[in-house]
């Protein structure tokens, strides 16, 4: 009984220590995650470059999730002509037939985070109004850059917001913001909408690749048919030549049998040649005719 009790106590102590280690591990992970979030929040609050880098990283991740490949299906940080418009666009998504879709990442966080920190509803609402206004300023700035006229292929610019709550807060204050942007050929997207858009572009690329492959197969089949037809014509010519040669050979054999053999036999009978002389060979004719294809010409290609 004592041995069993001691064993149970050891097992309980081991389980307790294991649970303690698990709780300590979870506590450390929670602390590390909180510290990471604080660092990220501090970095994004304090530096517009950090916010821009975060937006570009998120933008690239969405494009790759859509099955697109850099330098093949999209390019990043593309510099366009300056002047009335232009500048550096964060991403250019390539579409079939040489078209392009400009995509710019925007991370308007200053007023948004300031508003989240406030407990007073009126003060918070005022900050969120500033947030919505800053989003509209970004829309107007993209309109002035006029990326579509510099690139071709699309008549709109995509403004990418990497965090849906940022956009939702602005829409809550100004529900007409999306319509305002759309009238100016600006399409506001979050990761979900952009993923759907780029996935559609990726599917178009796949369809174009399949169409190009089908054209190559059709061209290869046409060339194979034409070469086969030409080979058939050449083979038919060889067959006709063989038939002509066979007929000439058989004609010569017939003449040999009718004229040469009888004369040779008479000379043998007259013992003109001695016993060591060669004998006249009996030559057989060749039977059979080379089969010539009935159709040797090229068939007209179907349109």
Protein backbone atom coordinates (compact mmCIF):
# COMPACT_ATOMS: atom_id res chain seq x y z
CA UNK A 1 0.00 0.00 0.00
CA UNK A 2 2.80 2.41 0.91
CA UNK A 3 4.62 1.63 -2.33
CA UNK A 4 1.50 2.35 -4.36
CA UNK A 5 0.94 5.61 -2.49
CA UNK A 6 4.54 6.71 -3.07
CA UNK A 7 4.23 5.89 -6.79
CA UNK A 8 1.01 7.90 -7.12
CA UNK A 9 2.61 10.81 -5.30
CA UNK A 10 5.59 10.78 -7.66
CA UNK A 11 3.31 10.67 -10.69
CA UNK A 12 1.24 13.54 -9.29
CA UNK A 13 4.36 15.56 -8.65
CA UNK A 14 5.62 14.85 -12.17
CA UNK A 15 2.30 15.89 -13.71
CA UNK A 16 2.28 19.04 -11.58
CA UNK A 17 5.79 19.97 -12.66
CA UNK A 18 4.87 19.32 -16.32
CA UNK A 19 1.78 21.51 -16.02
CA UNK A 20 3.84 24.18 -14.28
CA UNK A 21 6.37 24.20 -17.11
CA UNK A 22 3.55 24.43 -19.68
CA UNK A 23 1.97 27.38 -17.88
CA UNK A 24 5.34 29.10 -17.57
CA UNK A 25 5.96 28.53 -21.29
CA UNK A 26 2.58 29.98 -22.23
CA UNK A 27 3.18 32.92 -19.93
CA UNK A 28 6.54 33.59 -21.58
CA UNK A 29 5.03 33.31 -25.07
CA UNK A 30 2.26 35.72 -24.09
CA UNK A 31 4.80 38.16 -22.71
CA UNK A 32 6.97 37.87 -25.83
CA UNK A 33 3.93 38.37 -28.06
CA UNK A 34 2.86 41.41 -26.07
CA UNK A 35 6.38 42.83 -26.26
CA UNK A 36 6.45 42.19 -30.01
CA UNK A 37 3.09 43.90 -30.47
CA UNK A 38 4.27 46.85 -28.39
CA UNK A 39 7.44 47.11 -30.47
CA UNK A 40 5.44 46.86 -33.71
CA UNK A 41 2.93 49.39 -32.48
CA UNK A 42 5.71 51.75 -31.41
CA UNK A 43 7.52 51.35 -34.73
CA UNK A 44 4.38 51.91 -36.79
CA UNK A 45 3.34 54.90 -34.71
CA UNK A 46 6.69 56.59 -34.82
CA UNK A 47 7.92 56.10 -38.39
CA UNK A 48 6.10 56.59 -41.66
CA UNK A 49 8.84 54.49 -43.30
CA UNK A 50 8.05 51.58 -40.97
CA UNK A 51 4.38 51.86 -41.88
CA UNK A 52 5.27 51.96 -45.56
CA UNK A 53 7.53 48.92 -45.26
CA UNK A 54 4.77 47.02 -43.44
CA UNK A 55 2.29 47.89 -46.17
CA UNK A 56 4.66 46.76 -48.92
CA UNK A 57 5.45 43.47 -47.16
CA UNK A 58 1.74 42.78 -46.73
CA UNK A 59 1.14 43.69 -50.37
CA UNK A 60 3.83 41.27 -51.57
CA UNK A 61 2.44 38.49 -49.36
CA UNK A 62 -1.03 38.90 -50.87
CA UNK A 63 0.35 38.79 -54.42
CA UNK A 64 2.34 35.62 -53.71
CA UNK A 65 -0.70 34.05 -52.01
CA UNK A 66 -2.61 34.69 -55.24
CA UNK A 67 -0.08 32.52 -57.08
CA UNK A 68 1.82 35.41 -58.68
CA UNK A 69 5.61 35.59 -59.06
CA UNK A 70 7.77 38.71 -58.83
CA UNK A 71 9.32 39.97 -62.10
CA UNK A 72 7.01 37.61 -63.98
CA UNK A 73 3.48 38.51 -62.85
CA UNK A 74 4.26 41.65 -60.85
CA UNK A 75 7.00 44.18 -60.09
CA UNK A 76 7.53 46.18 -56.90
CA UNK A 77 8.57 49.79 -56.35
CA UNK A 78 8.24 50.78 -60.00
CA UNK A 79 9.31 54.34 -60.83
CA UNK A 80 7.15 56.09 -63.41
CA UNK A 81 7.56 59.35 -65.30
CA UNK A 82 7.41 62.51 -63.22
CA UNK A 83 5.67 65.76 -64.09
CA UNK A 84 1.94 66.25 -63.78
CA UNK A 85 1.74 62.71 -62.43
CA UNK A 86 4.00 59.80 -61.79
CA UNK A 87 6.24 58.83 -58.92
CA UNK A 88 7.03 55.44 -57.46
CA UNK A 89 4.20 52.93 -57.26
CA UNK A 90 4.48 50.12 -54.71
CA UNK A 91 3.43 47.35 -57.09
CA UNK A 92 2.48 46.85 -60.72
CA UNK A 93 0.43 43.74 -61.45
CA UNK A 94 0.87 42.64 -65.05
CA UNK A 95 -2.17 41.48 -67.00
CA UNK A 96 -2.27 39.64 -70.35
CA UNK A 97 -1.82 41.59 -73.60
CA UNK A 98 0.60 44.04 -71.99
CA UNK A 99 -1.72 45.69 -69.47
CA UNK A 100 -0.80 46.81 -65.95
CA UNK A 101 -2.64 47.48 -62.69
CA UNK A 102 -0.93 50.02 -60.37
CA UNK A 103 -1.29 49.22 -56.66
CA UNK A 104 -0.25 51.57 -53.87
CA UNK A 105 -0.20 50.55 -50.20
CA UNK A 106 -1.43 53.14 -47.70
CA UNK A 107 -1.25 52.82 -43.91
CA UNK A 108 -3.00 55.85 -42.33
CA UNK A 109 -2.53 54.99 -38.65
CA UNK A 110 -1.72 58.18 -36.73
CA UNK A 111 -5.23 59.50 -36.09
CA UNK A 112 -6.67 55.98 -35.98
CA UNK A 113 -4.43 54.85 -33.12
CA UNK A 114 -4.79 58.14 -31.30
CA UNK A 115 -8.55 57.64 -31.41
CA UNK A 116 -8.30 54.08 -30.09
CA UNK A 117 -6.35 55.35 -27.08
CA UNK A 118 -9.11 57.78 -26.11
CA UNK A 119 -11.95 56.78 -23.79
CA UNK A 120 -14.11 59.86 -24.33
CA UNK A 121 -16.57 59.08 -27.19
CA UNK A 122 -16.61 62.62 -28.57
CA UNK A 123 -12.82 62.91 -28.56
CA UNK A 124 -12.53 59.49 -30.16
CA UNK A 125 -15.06 60.41 -32.86
CA UNK A 126 -13.10 63.56 -33.65
CA UNK A 127 -9.93 61.54 -34.15
CA UNK A 128 -11.75 59.04 -36.35
CA UNK A 129 -13.04 61.93 -38.46
CA UNK A 130 -9.42 63.02 -38.89
CA UNK A 131 -8.63 59.43 -39.84
CA UNK A 132 -11.34 59.34 -42.53
CA UNK A 133 -10.17 62.71 -43.81
CA UNK A 134 -6.57 61.45 -44.07
CA UNK A 135 -7.81 58.52 -46.14
CA UNK A 136 -9.55 60.93 -48.51
CA UNK A 137 -6.31 62.90 -48.79
CA UNK A 138 -4.53 59.71 -49.88
CA UNK A 139 -7.23 59.14 -52.51
CA UNK A 140 -6.78 62.64 -53.94
CA UNK A 141 -2.99 62.19 -53.98
CA UNK A 142 -3.32 59.01 -56.05
CA UNK A 143 -5.64 60.80 -58.47
CA UNK A 144 -2.99 63.48 -59.05
CA UNK A 145 -0.32 60.87 -59.75
CA UNK A 146 -2.49 59.49 -62.55
CA UNK A 147 -0.73 56.13 -62.79
CA UNK A 148 -3.11 54.58 -65.39
CA UNK A 149 -2.32 57.17 -68.07
CA UNK A 150 1.41 56.49 -67.61
CA UNK A 151 1.12 52.71 -67.76
CA UNK A 152 -1.83 51.67 -69.89
CA UNK A 153 -3.96 48.58 -69.56
CA UNK A 154 -6.31 49.76 -66.81
CA UNK A 155 -8.27 52.90 -66.04
CA UNK A 156 -8.02 52.66 -62.25
CA UNK A 157 -5.50 52.56 -59.41
CA UNK A 158 -5.78 50.16 -56.49
CA UNK A 159 -5.27 51.67 -53.02
CA UNK A 160 -4.35 48.85 -50.64
CA UNK A 161 -5.07 49.06 -46.90
CA UNK A 162 -3.29 46.14 -45.15
CA UNK A 163 -5.59 46.04 -42.08
CA UNK A 164 -9.40 45.86 -42.54
CA UNK A 165 -10.16 47.66 -39.22
CA UNK A 166 -8.35 50.75 -40.50
CA UNK A 167 -10.70 50.96 -43.46
CA UNK A 168 -13.77 49.94 -41.47
CA UNK A 169 -13.22 52.80 -39.00
CA UNK A 170 -13.08 55.31 -41.85
CA UNK A 171 -16.20 53.86 -43.52
CA UNK A 172 -18.05 54.09 -40.22
CA UNK A 173 -17.45 57.83 -40.16
CA UNK A 174 -17.87 58.39 -43.91
CA UNK A 175 -19.90 55.63 -45.63
CA UNK A 176 -19.56 57.42 -49.00
CA UNK A 177 -15.77 57.11 -49.00
CA UNK A 178 -15.67 54.08 -51.31
CA UNK A 179 -18.06 55.73 -53.77
CA UNK A 180 -15.97 58.92 -53.65
CA UNK A 181 -12.86 56.93 -54.51
CA UNK A 182 -14.57 54.92 -57.23
CA UNK A 183 -15.75 58.06 -59.02
CA UNK A 184 -12.10 59.06 -59.22
CA UNK A 185 -11.05 55.62 -60.55
CA UNK A 186 -9.51 54.58 -57.24
CA UNK A 187 -10.38 51.11 -55.93
CA UNK A 188 -9.89 50.74 -52.16
CA UNK A 189 -9.06 47.17 -51.10
CA UNK A 190 -8.06 45.20 -48.03
CA UNK A 191 -6.17 41.86 -48.21
CA UNK A 192 -9.33 39.85 -48.96
CA UNK A 193 -10.50 42.02 -51.87
CA UNK A 194 -7.00 42.38 -53.31
CA UNK A 195 -6.44 38.63 -53.08
CA UNK A 196 -9.60 38.08 -55.13
CA UNK A 197 -8.51 40.65 -57.72
CA UNK A 198 -4.98 39.28 -58.11
CA UNK A 199 -6.25 35.71 -58.13
CA UNK A 200 -8.43 36.65 -61.09
CA UNK A 201 -5.39 38.13 -62.84
CA UNK A 202 -3.44 34.94 -62.12
CA UNK A 203 -6.24 32.85 -63.67
CA UNK A 204 -6.15 35.06 -66.78
CA UNK A 205 -2.42 34.38 -67.07
CA UNK A 206 -3.03 30.64 -66.81
CA UNK A 207 -5.73 30.80 -69.48
CA UNK A 208 -3.45 32.77 -71.80
CA UNK A 209 -0.68 30.23 -71.28
CA UNK A 210 -3.09 27.42 -72.14
CA UNK A 211 -4.23 29.30 -75.26
CA UNK A 212 -0.62 29.83 -76.34
CA UNK A 213 0.11 26.14 -75.80
CA UNK A 214 -2.94 25.22 -77.88
CA UNK A 215 -1.72 27.46 -80.71
CA UNK A 216 1.73 25.89 -80.56
CA UNK A 217 0.19 22.41 -80.67
CA UNK A 218 -1.95 23.42 -83.66
CA UNK A 219 1.09 24.84 -85.46
CA UNK A 220 3.14 21.71 -84.72
CA UNK A 221 0.31 19.49 -85.99
CA UNK A 222 0.05 21.56 -89.18
CA UNK A 223 3.80 21.29 -89.81
CA UNK A 224 3.72 17.54 -89.15
CA UNK A 225 0.86 17.10 -91.62
CA UNK A 226 2.59 19.15 -94.31
CA UNK A 227 5.85 17.23 -93.86
CA UNK A 228 3.98 13.92 -93.97
CA UNK A 229 2.26 14.96 -97.20
CA UNK A 230 5.60 15.98 -98.73
CA UNK A 231 7.17 12.69 -97.65
CA UNK A 232 4.24 10.82 -99.25
CA UNK A 233 4.81 12.68 -102.53
CA UNK A 234 8.52 11.83 -102.50
CA UNK A 235 7.78 8.20 -101.66
CA UNK A 236 5.30 8.00 -104.53
CA UNK A 237 7.96 9.33 -106.91
CA UNK A 238 10.38 6.65 -105.72
CA UNK A 239 7.67 4.01 -106.24
CA UNK A 240 7.01 5.19 -109.77
CA UNK A 241 10.76 5.17 -110.44
CA UNK A 242 11.03 1.62 -109.10
CA UNK A 243 8.14 0.49 -111.31
CA UNK A 244 9.76 2.08 -114.34
CA UNK A 245 13.09 0.41 -113.51
CA UNK A 246 11.35 -2.95 -112.93
CA UNK A 247 9.52 -2.75 -116.25
CA UNK A 248 12.72 -1.83 -118.07
CA UNK A 249 14.57 -4.67 -116.34
CA UNK A 250 11.89 -7.22 -117.23
CA UNK A 251 11.85 -5.96 -120.81
CA UNK A 252 15.61 -6.41 -121.02
CA UNK A 253 15.31 -9.92 -119.58
CA UNK A 254 12.67 -10.77 -122.18
CA UNK A 255 14.89 -9.49 -124.97
CA UNK A 256 17.79 -11.48 -123.51
CA UNK A 257 15.68 -14.65 -123.45
CA UNK A 258 14.36 -14.19 -126.98
CA UNK A 259 17.50 -13.06 -128.77
CA UNK A 260 20.64 -13.76 -126.81
CA UNK A 261 19.90 -17.21 -125.36
CA UNK A 262 18.87 -18.86 -128.70
CA UNK A 263 21.96 -17.52 -130.46
CA UNK A 264 24.14 -18.72 -127.63
CA UNK A 265 22.60 -22.17 -127.73
CA UNK A 266 23.31 -22.46 -131.45
CA UNK A 267 26.95 -21.55 -130.87
CA UNK A 268 27.17 -24.15 -128.10
CA UNK A 269 25.77 -26.76 -130.49
CA UNK A 270 28.39 -25.80 -133.06
CA UNK A 271 31.03 -26.22 -130.30
CA UNK A 272 32.42 -22.77 -130.88
CA UNK A 273 33.28 -22.54 -127.17
CA UNK A 274 35.33 -25.16 -125.32
CA UNK A 275 34.26 -26.87 -122.12
CA UNK A 276 35.88 -24.23 -119.93
CA UNK A 277 33.77 -21.39 -121.34
CA UNK A 278 31.13 -19.80 -119.17
CA UNK A 279 27.57 -20.90 -119.59
CA UNK A 280 24.81 -18.52 -120.47
CA UNK A 281 22.83 -17.59 -117.36
CA UNK A 282 19.09 -17.92 -117.24
CA UNK A 283 17.80 -14.64 -115.83
CA UNK A 284 14.43 -14.42 -114.11
CA UNK A 285 12.13 -11.44 -114.36
CA UNK A 286 11.10 -9.47 -111.25
CA UNK A 287 7.48 -9.80 -110.17
CA UNK A 288 5.52 -7.20 -108.20
CA UNK A 289 4.82 -3.50 -108.54
CA UNK A 290 5.58 -0.82 -105.94
CA UNK A 291 2.30 0.35 -104.42
CA UNK A 292 1.81 4.06 -104.99
CA UNK A 293 -0.50 5.98 -102.59
CA UNK A 294 -3.72 7.10 -104.22
CA UNK A 295 -3.51 10.60 -102.69
CA UNK A 296 -0.14 12.31 -102.56
CA UNK A 297 -1.18 15.94 -102.64
CA UNK A 298 -1.62 18.24 -99.64
CA UNK A 299 -5.11 18.59 -98.30
CA UNK A 300 -6.18 22.18 -97.85
CA UNK A 301 -5.99 23.32 -94.25
CA UNK A 302 -9.23 23.82 -92.48
CA UNK A 303 -9.80 27.30 -91.27
